[in-house]
N, C-alpha and C. Protein backbone atom coordinates (compact mmCIF):
# COMPACT_ATOMS: atom_id res chain seq x y z
N MET A 1 -6.90 -2.62 -25.23
CA MET A 1 -5.68 -3.67 -24.80
C MET A 1 -5.36 -3.55 -23.41
N ASP A 2 -5.27 -4.42 -22.76
CA ASP A 2 -5.15 -4.38 -21.07
C ASP A 2 -3.48 -4.63 -20.82
N LYS A 3 -2.81 -3.62 -21.15
CA LYS A 3 -1.17 -3.91 -20.99
C LYS A 3 -0.81 -4.43 -19.56
N TYR A 4 -1.85 -4.53 -18.74
CA TYR A 4 -1.10 -4.95 -17.52
C TYR A 4 -1.71 -6.39 -17.01
N ASN A 5 -2.70 -7.06 -18.07
CA ASN A 5 -3.05 -8.41 -17.84
C ASN A 5 -3.60 -8.49 -16.67
N LEU A 6 -4.56 -7.48 -16.38
CA LEU A 6 -5.48 -7.63 -15.24
C LEU A 6 -6.40 -8.56 -15.03
N ASN A 7 -7.25 -9.00 -14.09
CA ASN A 7 -8.27 -9.66 -13.98
C ASN A 7 -9.14 -9.20 -12.71
N ASN A 8 -10.49 -9.77 -12.47
CA ASN A 8 -10.98 -9.48 -11.26
C ASN A 8 -10.96 -10.20 -10.12
N SER A 9 -9.74 -10.79 -9.90
CA SER A 9 -9.79 -11.73 -8.66
C SER A 9 -8.71 -11.29 -7.68
N TYR A 10 -8.49 -10.28 -7.94
CA TYR A 10 -7.76 -9.64 -6.79
C TYR A 10 -8.46 -9.18 -5.39
N LYS A 11 -8.08 -9.22 -4.32
CA LYS A 11 -8.79 -9.09 -3.03
C LYS A 11 -8.39 -7.82 -2.27
N ALA A 12 -7.14 -7.35 -2.77
CA ALA A 12 -6.61 -6.14 -2.09
C ALA A 12 -5.38 -5.59 -2.63
N VAL A 13 -5.31 -4.10 -2.28
CA VAL A 13 -4.15 -3.49 -2.62
C VAL A 13 -3.42 -2.99 -1.42
N VAL A 14 -2.08 -3.09 -1.46
CA VAL A 14 -1.43 -2.72 -0.31
C VAL A 14 -0.28 -1.60 -0.68
N ILE A 15 -0.04 -0.31 0.09
CA ILE A 15 0.68 0.67 -0.60
C ILE A 15 1.71 1.03 0.66
N GLY A 16 2.79 1.01 0.46
CA GLY A 16 3.96 1.73 1.32
C GLY A 16 4.63 2.76 0.97
N GLY A 17 4.79 3.52 1.74
CA GLY A 17 5.39 4.92 1.20
C GLY A 17 6.21 5.55 2.63
N SER A 18 7.02 6.53 2.53
CA SER A 18 7.92 7.14 3.47
C SER A 18 7.66 8.70 2.87
N ALA A 19 9.33 9.07 3.21
CA ALA A 19 9.46 10.51 2.97
C ALA A 19 9.22 10.64 1.19
N GLY A 20 8.61 11.89 1.28
CA GLY A 20 8.13 12.15 -0.24
C GLY A 20 6.87 11.22 -1.00
N SER A 21 6.44 10.86 0.01
CA SER A 21 5.36 9.76 -0.71
C SER A 21 3.90 10.53 -0.38
N PHE A 22 3.94 11.63 0.50
CA PHE A 22 2.43 11.95 0.99
C PHE A 22 1.76 12.44 -0.34
N GLN A 23 2.40 13.29 -1.28
CA GLN A 23 1.58 13.90 -2.39
C GLN A 23 1.26 13.07 -3.39
N GLY A 24 2.12 11.94 -3.30
CA GLY A 24 1.65 10.92 -4.33
C GLY A 24 0.55 9.91 -3.78
N ILE A 25 0.42 10.03 -2.33
CA ILE A 25 -0.69 9.09 -1.75
C ILE A 25 -1.98 10.08 -2.02
N VAL A 26 -2.14 11.52 -1.78
CA VAL A 26 -3.02 12.25 -2.20
C VAL A 26 -3.69 12.09 -3.34
N LYS A 27 -2.63 12.15 -4.46
CA LYS A 27 -3.28 12.30 -5.83
C LYS A 27 -3.94 11.15 -5.98
N ILE A 28 -3.21 9.72 -5.70
CA ILE A 28 -3.94 8.64 -5.74
C ILE A 28 -5.16 8.54 -5.22
N LEU A 29 -5.37 9.11 -4.13
CA LEU A 29 -6.50 8.67 -3.21
C LEU A 29 -7.72 9.70 -3.99
N ALA A 30 -7.16 10.68 -4.47
CA ALA A 30 -8.27 11.89 -5.16
C ALA A 30 -8.71 11.43 -6.37
N GLN A 31 -8.16 10.35 -6.96
CA GLN A 31 -8.49 10.10 -8.47
C GLN A 31 -9.10 8.46 -8.52
N LEU A 32 -9.07 8.36 -7.25
CA LEU A 32 -9.83 6.58 -7.21
C LEU A 32 -11.01 6.70 -7.65
N PRO A 33 -11.35 5.94 -8.59
CA PRO A 33 -13.01 5.81 -8.71
C PRO A 33 -13.88 5.33 -7.42
N LYS A 34 -14.89 6.23 -7.05
CA LYS A 34 -15.60 6.08 -5.93
C LYS A 34 -15.97 4.52 -6.20
N THR A 35 -16.15 3.89 -6.94
CA THR A 35 -16.86 2.56 -6.79
C THR A 35 -15.60 1.63 -6.65
N PHE A 36 -14.35 2.16 -6.51
CA PHE A 36 -13.17 1.04 -6.25
C PHE A 36 -13.37 -0.16 -5.32
N PRO A 37 -13.35 -1.31 -6.27
CA PRO A 37 -13.94 -2.47 -5.27
C PRO A 37 -12.97 -3.32 -4.08
N LEU A 38 -11.87 -2.68 -4.16
CA LEU A 38 -11.01 -3.47 -3.16
C LEU A 38 -10.77 -2.89 -1.94
N PRO A 39 -10.13 -3.25 -0.95
CA PRO A 39 -9.45 -2.58 0.31
C PRO A 39 -8.26 -1.99 -0.20
N ILE A 40 -7.96 -0.95 0.18
CA ILE A 40 -6.52 -0.28 -0.02
C ILE A 40 -6.21 -0.31 1.65
N ILE A 41 -4.74 -1.10 1.66
CA ILE A 41 -4.12 -1.02 3.12
C ILE A 41 -2.65 -0.20 3.19
N MET A 42 -2.68 0.63 3.68
CA MET A 42 -1.63 1.70 3.48
C MET A 42 -0.54 1.72 4.88
N CYS A 43 0.32 1.58 4.60
CA CYS A 43 1.61 1.74 5.49
C CYS A 43 2.38 2.85 5.18
N MET A 44 2.37 3.64 6.15
CA MET A 44 3.40 5.19 5.88
C MET A 44 4.24 5.56 7.01
N HIS A 45 5.37 5.72 6.84
CA HIS A 45 6.06 6.13 8.11
C HIS A 45 5.62 7.31 8.50
N ARG A 46 5.60 7.49 9.79
CA ARG A 46 4.80 8.73 10.58
C ARG A 46 5.69 8.81 11.95
N LEU A 47 5.47 10.24 12.12
CA LEU A 47 6.02 10.77 13.34
C LEU A 47 5.12 9.88 14.35
N LYS A 48 5.78 9.44 15.35
CA LYS A 48 5.01 8.42 16.33
C LYS A 48 4.24 9.55 17.38
N HIS A 49 4.80 10.66 17.68
CA HIS A 49 4.19 11.27 18.55
C HIS A 49 2.87 12.12 18.17
N VAL A 50 2.59 12.27 16.65
CA VAL A 50 1.60 12.94 16.30
C VAL A 50 0.48 12.09 15.48
N ARG A 51 -0.28 11.85 16.39
CA ARG A 51 -1.54 10.89 16.12
C ARG A 51 -2.45 11.64 15.27
N ASN A 52 -2.79 12.76 15.35
CA ASN A 52 -4.17 13.38 14.48
C ASN A 52 -3.40 14.03 13.45
N GLY A 53 -4.81 14.26 12.37
CA GLY A 53 -4.41 15.14 11.42
C GLY A 53 -3.94 14.34 10.24
N PHE A 54 -3.30 13.33 10.51
CA PHE A 54 -2.98 12.49 8.94
C PHE A 54 -4.14 12.15 8.08
N VAL A 55 -5.13 11.39 9.23
CA VAL A 55 -6.27 10.89 8.28
C VAL A 55 -7.07 11.84 7.93
N GLU A 56 -7.25 12.83 8.63
CA GLU A 56 -7.85 14.02 8.14
C GLU A 56 -7.70 14.71 6.87
N ALA A 57 -6.21 14.98 6.74
CA ALA A 57 -5.55 15.52 5.76
C ALA A 57 -5.94 14.63 4.31
N LEU A 58 -5.85 13.33 4.69
CA LEU A 58 -6.04 12.48 3.44
C LEU A 58 -7.43 12.66 3.05
N SER A 59 -8.38 12.26 3.91
CA SER A 59 -9.79 12.38 3.89
C SER A 59 -10.43 13.44 2.98
N ILE A 60 -9.74 14.65 3.26
CA ILE A 60 -10.07 15.96 2.65
C ILE A 60 -10.06 15.67 1.27
N LYS A 61 -8.97 14.97 0.61
CA LYS A 61 -8.80 14.66 -0.72
C LYS A 61 -9.39 13.40 -1.23
N SER A 62 -9.35 12.37 -0.42
CA SER A 62 -10.06 10.94 -0.91
C SER A 62 -11.42 10.98 -1.16
N VAL A 63 -11.76 10.50 -2.22
CA VAL A 63 -13.12 10.18 -2.68
C VAL A 63 -13.89 8.96 -1.87
N VAL A 64 -12.77 8.06 -1.30
CA VAL A 64 -13.31 7.06 -0.66
C VAL A 64 -12.86 7.16 0.87
N GLN A 65 -13.70 6.38 1.70
CA GLN A 65 -13.31 6.46 3.12
C GLN A 65 -11.99 5.88 3.75
N VAL A 66 -11.20 6.81 4.36
CA VAL A 66 -9.76 6.87 5.02
C VAL A 66 -10.30 6.46 6.42
N VAL A 67 -9.82 5.14 7.05
CA VAL A 67 -9.86 5.11 8.57
C VAL A 67 -8.59 4.20 9.00
N GLU A 68 -8.11 4.72 10.38
CA GLU A 68 -7.20 3.88 11.05
C GLU A 68 -8.02 2.68 11.70
N PRO A 69 -7.61 1.60 11.56
CA PRO A 69 -8.21 0.37 12.21
C PRO A 69 -7.92 0.29 13.34
N VAL A 70 -8.79 -0.56 14.06
CA VAL A 70 -8.27 -0.69 15.18
C VAL A 70 -7.84 -2.38 15.43
N ASP A 71 -7.41 -2.95 16.43
CA ASP A 71 -6.87 -4.46 16.51
C ASP A 71 -8.23 -5.22 16.62
N LYS A 72 -8.09 -6.19 15.38
CA LYS A 72 -8.96 -7.28 15.10
C LYS A 72 -10.18 -6.94 14.05
N GLU A 73 -9.91 -5.44 13.73
CA GLU A 73 -11.13 -4.94 12.82
C GLU A 73 -11.04 -5.60 11.44
N SER A 74 -12.44 -5.89 10.90
CA SER A 74 -12.33 -6.45 9.79
C SER A 74 -12.15 -5.78 8.64
N ILE A 75 -11.77 -6.21 7.53
CA ILE A 75 -11.21 -5.64 6.20
C ILE A 75 -12.43 -5.53 5.28
N LYS A 76 -12.82 -4.61 4.85
CA LYS A 76 -14.09 -4.44 4.15
C LYS A 76 -13.54 -3.62 2.48
N LYS A 77 -14.40 -4.06 1.77
CA LYS A 77 -14.01 -3.47 0.41
C LYS A 77 -14.38 -1.95 0.24
N GLY A 78 -13.50 -1.29 -0.61
CA GLY A 78 -13.85 0.11 -0.93
C GLY A 78 -13.35 0.91 0.41
N VAL A 79 -12.75 0.48 0.99
CA VAL A 79 -12.20 1.17 2.41
C VAL A 79 -10.53 1.37 2.31
N VAL A 80 -9.96 2.52 2.75
CA VAL A 80 -8.71 2.70 2.78
C VAL A 80 -8.17 2.61 4.25
N TYR A 81 -7.44 1.88 4.47
CA TYR A 81 -7.06 1.61 5.75
C TYR A 81 -5.45 1.99 6.17
N LEU A 82 -5.30 3.00 7.07
CA LEU A 82 -4.07 3.60 7.26
C LEU A 82 -3.32 3.04 8.45
N ALA A 83 -2.27 2.48 8.42
CA ALA A 83 -1.75 2.19 9.83
C ALA A 83 -1.46 3.10 10.76
N PRO A 84 -1.90 2.89 11.83
CA PRO A 84 -1.97 3.81 13.06
C PRO A 84 -0.45 4.16 13.47
N SER A 85 -0.33 5.59 13.90
CA SER A 85 0.94 5.82 14.28
C SER A 85 1.66 5.01 15.49
N ASN A 86 2.82 4.66 15.42
CA ASN A 86 3.42 3.90 16.60
C ASN A 86 2.80 2.45 16.72
N TYR A 87 2.15 2.02 15.69
CA TYR A 87 1.67 0.53 15.90
C TYR A 87 2.13 -0.17 14.56
N HIS A 88 2.72 -1.28 14.54
CA HIS A 88 2.78 -2.33 13.52
C HIS A 88 1.45 -2.98 13.31
N MET A 89 1.01 -2.75 11.88
CA MET A 89 -0.46 -3.34 11.37
C MET A 89 -0.24 -4.59 10.43
N SER A 90 -0.59 -5.71 10.71
CA SER A 90 -0.56 -6.98 10.17
C SER A 90 -1.84 -7.31 9.74
N VAL A 91 -1.87 -8.17 8.64
CA VAL A 91 -2.99 -8.40 8.07
C VAL A 91 -3.23 -9.96 8.34
N GLU A 92 -4.40 -10.52 9.11
CA GLU A 92 -4.43 -11.73 9.59
C GLU A 92 -5.34 -12.73 8.87
N LEU A 93 -5.08 -13.82 8.89
CA LEU A 93 -6.09 -15.08 8.54
C LEU A 93 -7.52 -14.69 8.92
N GLY A 94 -8.68 -14.81 8.08
CA GLY A 94 -9.92 -14.42 8.69
C GLY A 94 -10.32 -12.92 8.14
N ASN A 95 -9.17 -12.28 7.55
CA ASN A 95 -9.49 -10.82 6.92
C ASN A 95 -9.69 -9.82 7.73
N HIS A 96 -8.94 -9.72 8.86
CA HIS A 96 -8.98 -8.56 9.64
C HIS A 96 -7.48 -8.53 10.08
N PHE A 97 -7.12 -7.02 10.63
CA PHE A 97 -5.96 -6.64 11.30
C PHE A 97 -5.60 -7.27 12.68
N SER A 98 -4.47 -6.99 12.91
CA SER A 98 -4.12 -6.91 14.52
C SER A 98 -2.76 -6.03 14.42
N MET A 99 -3.00 -5.21 15.77
CA MET A 99 -1.89 -4.28 15.73
C MET A 99 -0.94 -4.68 17.08
N SER A 100 0.20 -4.16 16.94
CA SER A 100 1.09 -4.47 17.92
C SER A 100 2.43 -3.32 18.24
N THR A 101 2.72 -3.31 19.36
CA THR A 101 3.88 -2.40 19.73
C THR A 101 5.12 -3.05 19.91
N GLU A 102 5.44 -4.15 18.91
CA GLU A 102 6.90 -4.60 19.07
C GLU A 102 7.78 -3.73 18.81
N GLU A 103 9.17 -4.36 18.90
CA GLU A 103 10.40 -3.46 18.43
C GLU A 103 10.34 -3.01 17.03
N MET A 104 10.65 -1.81 16.83
CA MET A 104 10.75 -1.40 15.56
C MET A 104 11.56 -2.08 14.63
N VAL A 105 11.07 -2.35 13.20
CA VAL A 105 11.57 -2.70 12.30
C VAL A 105 12.15 -1.65 11.15
N ASN A 106 13.44 -1.86 10.70
CA ASN A 106 13.90 -0.87 9.76
C ASN A 106 13.76 0.69 10.42
N ASN A 107 14.15 0.68 11.65
CA ASN A 107 13.86 1.91 12.46
C ASN A 107 12.45 2.42 12.43
N SER A 108 11.52 1.53 12.28
CA SER A 108 9.85 2.24 12.02
C SER A 108 9.10 1.30 12.73
N ARG A 109 7.81 2.16 13.16
CA ARG A 109 6.94 1.61 13.56
C ARG A 109 5.56 2.43 13.53
N PRO A 110 4.88 2.19 12.31
CA PRO A 110 4.58 0.85 11.72
C PRO A 110 5.56 0.94 10.74
N ALA A 111 5.87 -0.52 10.39
CA ALA A 111 7.09 -0.99 9.49
C ALA A 111 6.26 -1.67 8.15
N ILE A 112 6.67 -0.95 7.02
CA ILE A 112 5.94 -1.47 5.84
C ILE A 112 6.44 -2.88 5.45
N ASP A 113 7.36 -3.30 5.76
CA ASP A 113 7.71 -4.81 5.49
C ASP A 113 6.83 -5.50 6.17
N ILE A 114 6.42 -5.34 7.51
CA ILE A 114 5.24 -6.20 8.11
C ILE A 114 4.14 -6.17 7.76
N THR A 115 3.57 -5.13 7.03
CA THR A 115 2.13 -4.69 6.62
C THR A 115 2.08 -5.70 5.12
N LEU A 116 3.40 -5.31 4.32
CA LEU A 116 3.28 -6.23 2.98
C LEU A 116 3.34 -7.74 3.20
N GLY A 117 4.30 -7.92 3.96
CA GLY A 117 4.55 -9.18 4.38
C GLY A 117 3.50 -10.16 4.89
N THR A 118 2.66 -9.69 5.72
CA THR A 118 1.67 -10.48 6.01
C THR A 118 0.04 -10.37 5.48
N ALA A 119 0.23 -9.22 4.47
CA ALA A 119 -0.65 -9.28 3.56
C ALA A 119 -0.47 -10.19 2.43
N ALA A 120 0.96 -10.56 2.10
CA ALA A 120 1.22 -11.43 0.99
C ALA A 120 0.71 -12.84 1.47
N TYR A 121 0.95 -13.24 2.76
CA TYR A 121 0.62 -14.50 3.37
C TYR A 121 -0.65 -14.68 3.25
N VAL A 122 -1.42 -13.70 3.41
CA VAL A 122 -2.88 -13.80 3.43
C VAL A 122 -3.62 -13.89 2.17
N TYR A 123 -3.05 -13.15 1.23
CA TYR A 123 -3.73 -12.71 0.06
C TYR A 123 -2.82 -13.72 -1.02
N ARG A 124 -1.76 -13.54 -0.78
CA ARG A 124 -0.96 -14.63 -2.00
C ARG A 124 -0.91 -14.04 -3.36
N ASP A 125 -1.58 -14.76 -4.26
CA ASP A 125 -1.53 -14.33 -5.61
C ASP A 125 -2.91 -13.29 -5.90
N LYS A 126 -3.57 -13.02 -4.83
CA LYS A 126 -4.84 -12.05 -5.17
C LYS A 126 -4.22 -10.61 -4.58
N LEU A 127 -2.87 -10.20 -4.45
CA LEU A 127 -2.84 -9.03 -3.71
C LEU A 127 -1.78 -8.26 -4.93
N ILE A 128 -2.10 -6.97 -4.80
CA ILE A 128 -1.48 -6.05 -5.33
C ILE A 128 -0.55 -5.25 -4.36
N GLY A 129 0.88 -4.91 -4.73
CA GLY A 129 1.67 -4.21 -3.91
C GLY A 129 2.21 -3.11 -4.53
N VAL A 130 2.18 -1.83 -4.16
CA VAL A 130 2.46 -0.68 -4.24
C VAL A 130 3.52 -0.03 -3.33
N LEU A 131 4.78 0.28 -3.60
CA LEU A 131 5.95 0.94 -3.00
C LEU A 131 6.34 2.13 -3.76
N LEU A 132 6.13 3.32 -2.45
CA LEU A 132 6.37 4.71 -3.15
C LEU A 132 7.74 5.35 -2.69
N SER A 133 7.94 6.31 -2.94
CA SER A 133 9.23 7.02 -2.38
C SER A 133 9.72 7.17 -0.83
N GLY A 134 10.65 6.89 -0.64
CA GLY A 134 10.88 6.80 0.79
C GLY A 134 12.65 6.90 1.09
N ALA A 135 12.81 6.87 2.27
CA ALA A 135 14.34 7.12 2.47
C ALA A 135 15.20 5.70 3.16
N ASN A 136 14.30 4.91 3.40
CA ASN A 136 15.24 3.69 3.72
C ASN A 136 14.62 2.68 2.89
N ARG A 137 14.98 1.40 3.57
CA ARG A 137 14.95 0.29 2.71
C ARG A 137 13.72 -0.58 3.01
N ASP A 138 12.86 -0.19 3.90
CA ASP A 138 11.71 -0.68 4.51
C ASP A 138 10.99 -0.67 3.15
N GLY A 139 10.27 -2.30 3.12
CA GLY A 139 9.16 -2.32 2.04
C GLY A 139 10.05 -3.21 1.02
N GLY A 140 11.08 -3.11 0.66
CA GLY A 140 11.76 -3.93 -0.21
C GLY A 140 11.54 -5.54 0.04
N LEU A 141 11.70 -5.77 1.25
CA LEU A 141 11.51 -7.32 1.77
C LEU A 141 9.83 -7.80 1.57
N GLY A 142 9.14 -6.82 2.04
CA GLY A 142 7.63 -6.84 1.73
C GLY A 142 7.62 -7.15 0.35
N MET A 143 8.07 -6.28 -0.85
CA MET A 143 7.45 -6.52 -2.22
C MET A 143 8.21 -7.86 -2.63
N LYS A 144 9.19 -8.25 -2.16
CA LYS A 144 9.66 -9.62 -2.43
C LYS A 144 8.72 -10.74 -2.07
N HIS A 145 7.95 -10.53 -0.77
CA HIS A 145 7.24 -11.76 -0.29
C HIS A 145 5.91 -11.48 -1.18
N ILE A 146 5.68 -10.47 -1.70
CA ILE A 146 4.42 -10.18 -2.65
C ILE A 146 4.84 -11.01 -3.63
N LYS A 147 5.94 -10.50 -4.40
CA LYS A 147 6.27 -11.29 -5.52
C LYS A 147 6.45 -12.88 -5.35
N ASP A 148 6.88 -13.27 -4.42
CA ASP A 148 7.08 -14.82 -4.22
C ASP A 148 5.95 -15.53 -3.71
N LYS A 149 4.79 -14.77 -3.44
CA LYS A 149 3.61 -15.50 -3.33
C LYS A 149 2.77 -15.23 -4.56
N GLY A 150 3.36 -14.77 -5.88
CA GLY A 150 2.60 -14.77 -7.07
C GLY A 150 1.63 -13.45 -6.97
N GLY A 151 1.82 -12.19 -6.16
CA GLY A 151 1.19 -11.18 -6.21
C GLY A 151 1.76 -10.04 -7.55
N LEU A 152 1.10 -9.35 -7.79
CA LEU A 152 1.30 -8.04 -8.51
C LEU A 152 2.36 -6.96 -7.85
N THR A 153 3.38 -6.71 -8.60
CA THR A 153 4.31 -5.83 -7.66
C THR A 153 4.24 -4.52 -8.56
N ILE A 154 4.33 -3.25 -8.01
CA ILE A 154 4.69 -2.16 -8.57
C ILE A 154 5.26 -1.26 -7.88
N VAL A 155 6.39 -0.55 -8.24
CA VAL A 155 7.20 0.45 -7.47
C VAL A 155 7.00 2.04 -8.32
N GLN A 156 7.08 3.03 -7.60
CA GLN A 156 7.23 4.41 -8.33
C GLN A 156 8.41 4.33 -8.87
N GLU A 157 8.45 4.97 -10.27
CA GLU A 157 9.51 5.39 -10.89
C GLU A 157 10.56 6.02 -10.10
N PRO A 158 11.51 5.63 -10.01
CA PRO A 158 12.62 6.18 -9.07
C PRO A 158 13.22 7.60 -9.36
N THR A 159 13.36 7.90 -10.59
CA THR A 159 13.41 9.21 -10.97
C THR A 159 12.38 10.42 -10.72
N GLU A 160 11.42 9.75 -10.32
CA GLU A 160 10.12 10.61 -10.02
C GLU A 160 10.12 11.10 -8.60
N CYS A 161 10.68 9.91 -7.65
CA CYS A 161 10.56 10.04 -6.42
C CYS A 161 11.39 11.10 -5.71
N MET A 162 11.01 11.70 -4.61
CA MET A 162 11.73 12.66 -3.97
C MET A 162 12.85 11.95 -3.46
N ILE A 163 12.58 10.93 -2.84
CA ILE A 163 13.77 10.05 -2.34
C ILE A 163 13.43 8.51 -2.94
N ASP A 164 14.78 8.07 -3.45
CA ASP A 164 14.17 6.72 -4.26
C ASP A 164 14.83 5.68 -3.51
N THR A 165 15.45 5.76 -2.60
CA THR A 165 15.95 4.70 -1.49
C THR A 165 14.96 3.40 -1.54
N MET A 166 13.91 3.72 -1.33
CA MET A 166 12.66 2.35 -1.12
C MET A 166 12.29 1.99 -2.44
N PRO A 167 11.96 2.38 -3.44
CA PRO A 167 11.73 1.66 -4.56
C PRO A 167 13.10 1.12 -5.42
N LYS A 168 14.07 1.61 -5.29
CA LYS A 168 15.32 0.96 -5.48
C LYS A 168 15.74 -0.42 -4.76
N ALA A 169 15.30 -0.27 -3.46
CA ALA A 169 15.75 -1.56 -2.52
C ALA A 169 14.55 -2.56 -2.96
N ALA A 170 13.53 -2.12 -3.57
CA ALA A 170 12.57 -3.36 -3.99
C ALA A 170 13.24 -3.83 -5.23
N LEU A 171 13.40 -3.07 -6.46
CA LEU A 171 14.16 -3.41 -7.30
C LEU A 171 15.34 -4.37 -7.50
N ALA A 172 16.23 -4.05 -6.25
CA ALA A 172 17.38 -4.85 -5.98
C ALA A 172 16.92 -6.24 -5.41
N LEU A 173 15.83 -6.40 -4.76
CA LEU A 173 15.51 -7.65 -4.27
C LEU A 173 14.80 -8.56 -5.08
N THR A 174 13.99 -8.01 -6.05
CA THR A 174 13.28 -8.94 -6.62
C THR A 174 12.97 -8.57 -8.14
N LYS A 175 12.05 -9.28 -9.20
CA LYS A 175 11.85 -8.94 -10.26
C LYS A 175 10.50 -8.11 -9.91
N ILE A 176 10.29 -6.74 -10.17
CA ILE A 176 8.89 -6.07 -10.06
C ILE A 176 8.56 -6.00 -11.27
N ASP A 177 7.05 -6.58 -11.05
CA ASP A 177 6.41 -6.32 -12.47
C ASP A 177 6.21 -4.88 -13.25
N HIS A 178 5.88 -3.90 -12.50
CA HIS A 178 5.68 -2.61 -13.29
C HIS A 178 6.37 -1.62 -12.18
N THR A 179 7.13 -0.51 -13.18
CA THR A 179 7.78 0.69 -12.62
C THR A 179 7.00 1.89 -13.31
N LEU A 180 6.11 2.58 -12.46
CA LEU A 180 5.38 3.35 -12.97
C LEU A 180 5.37 4.92 -12.28
N LYS A 181 5.14 5.97 -12.85
CA LYS A 181 4.91 7.14 -12.08
C LYS A 181 3.60 7.31 -11.46
N ILE A 182 3.24 8.10 -10.50
CA ILE A 182 2.10 8.45 -10.08
C ILE A 182 0.88 8.45 -10.89
N ASP A 183 0.96 9.18 -11.71
CA ASP A 183 -0.13 9.25 -12.67
C ASP A 183 -0.30 7.87 -13.48
N GLU A 184 0.73 7.15 -13.88
CA GLU A 184 0.54 5.88 -14.05
C GLU A 184 -0.13 4.88 -13.33
N ILE A 185 0.15 5.06 -11.91
CA ILE A 185 -0.52 4.29 -10.99
C ILE A 185 -1.73 4.60 -10.76
N VAL A 186 -2.39 5.66 -10.84
CA VAL A 186 -3.65 5.94 -10.85
C VAL A 186 -4.44 5.44 -12.09
N GLU A 187 -3.92 5.28 -13.26
CA GLU A 187 -4.37 4.73 -14.45
C GLU A 187 -4.47 3.43 -14.33
N PHE A 188 -3.58 2.91 -13.48
CA PHE A 188 -3.46 1.29 -13.33
C PHE A 188 -4.68 0.98 -12.34
N LEU A 189 -4.86 1.77 -11.42
CA LEU A 189 -6.10 1.46 -10.72
C LEU A 189 -7.45 1.71 -11.14
N LYS A 190 -7.57 2.60 -11.86
CA LYS A 190 -8.81 2.87 -12.70
C LYS A 190 -9.01 1.69 -13.60
N GLU A 191 -8.09 1.30 -14.44
CA GLU A 191 -7.90 -0.04 -15.23
C GLU A 191 -8.53 -1.04 -14.29
N LEU A 192 -7.96 -1.32 -13.32
CA LEU A 192 -8.72 -2.35 -12.57
C LEU A 192 -9.99 -2.36 -12.06
N ASP A 193 -10.43 -1.05 -11.83
CA ASP A 193 -11.71 -0.77 -11.33
C ASP A 193 -12.75 -1.38 -12.46
N LYS A 194 -12.37 -1.07 -13.79
CA LYS A 194 -12.92 -1.31 -14.89
C LYS A 194 -13.36 -2.93 -14.93
N HIS A 195 -12.16 -3.85 -14.50
CA HIS A 195 -12.53 -4.98 -14.63
C HIS A 195 -13.55 -5.50 -13.43
N TYR A 196 -13.73 -4.98 -12.25
CA TYR A 196 -14.83 -5.34 -11.32
C TYR A 196 -15.95 -4.83 -11.98
N THR A 197 -16.13 -3.62 -12.74
CA THR A 197 -17.52 -3.32 -12.99
C THR A 197 -17.86 -3.64 -14.49
N LYS A 198 -17.28 -4.45 -15.01
CA LYS A 198 -17.66 -4.86 -16.19
C LYS A 198 -19.09 -5.96 -16.28
């Protein structure tokens, strides 16, 4: 029984996270099926002056490739894309990224709302949005955009979060489809993978 009503028409997964989300991201990437069929687009709040080490730390645990994309880079299936430090990362029509150094949004660059909102515009009902632990409201509006465009929305269970401000902001702004713990998010992604490998 598919409790998530999944199908194999999704085009991308987008994940946002901030304070307290790193361990959850590591757990998700470590347990992803190697065959995972979609791009995973990640925007996490990062120290803007620390450019190295983050991708390497995730790559050690991840079973799929983790990269920081450059401006105009094409989005490919089965790759995890991490927003570079100190750049806003947008998803553009034509299935590629654009980077900008415009003003901070929600005191953040990269801003989760920008990545989620632009992904919602491009992928519409073919997008899955996931928002994890975080200390500000960044990402809440992005999740509303995903929901408004017909995408599937998931937030981390607030009681499991180190800091629950971010998922609670999304829950306050829109009707989130699923509120899940990290282990359940892993199971969700495994279920999604099965729909593409049938």
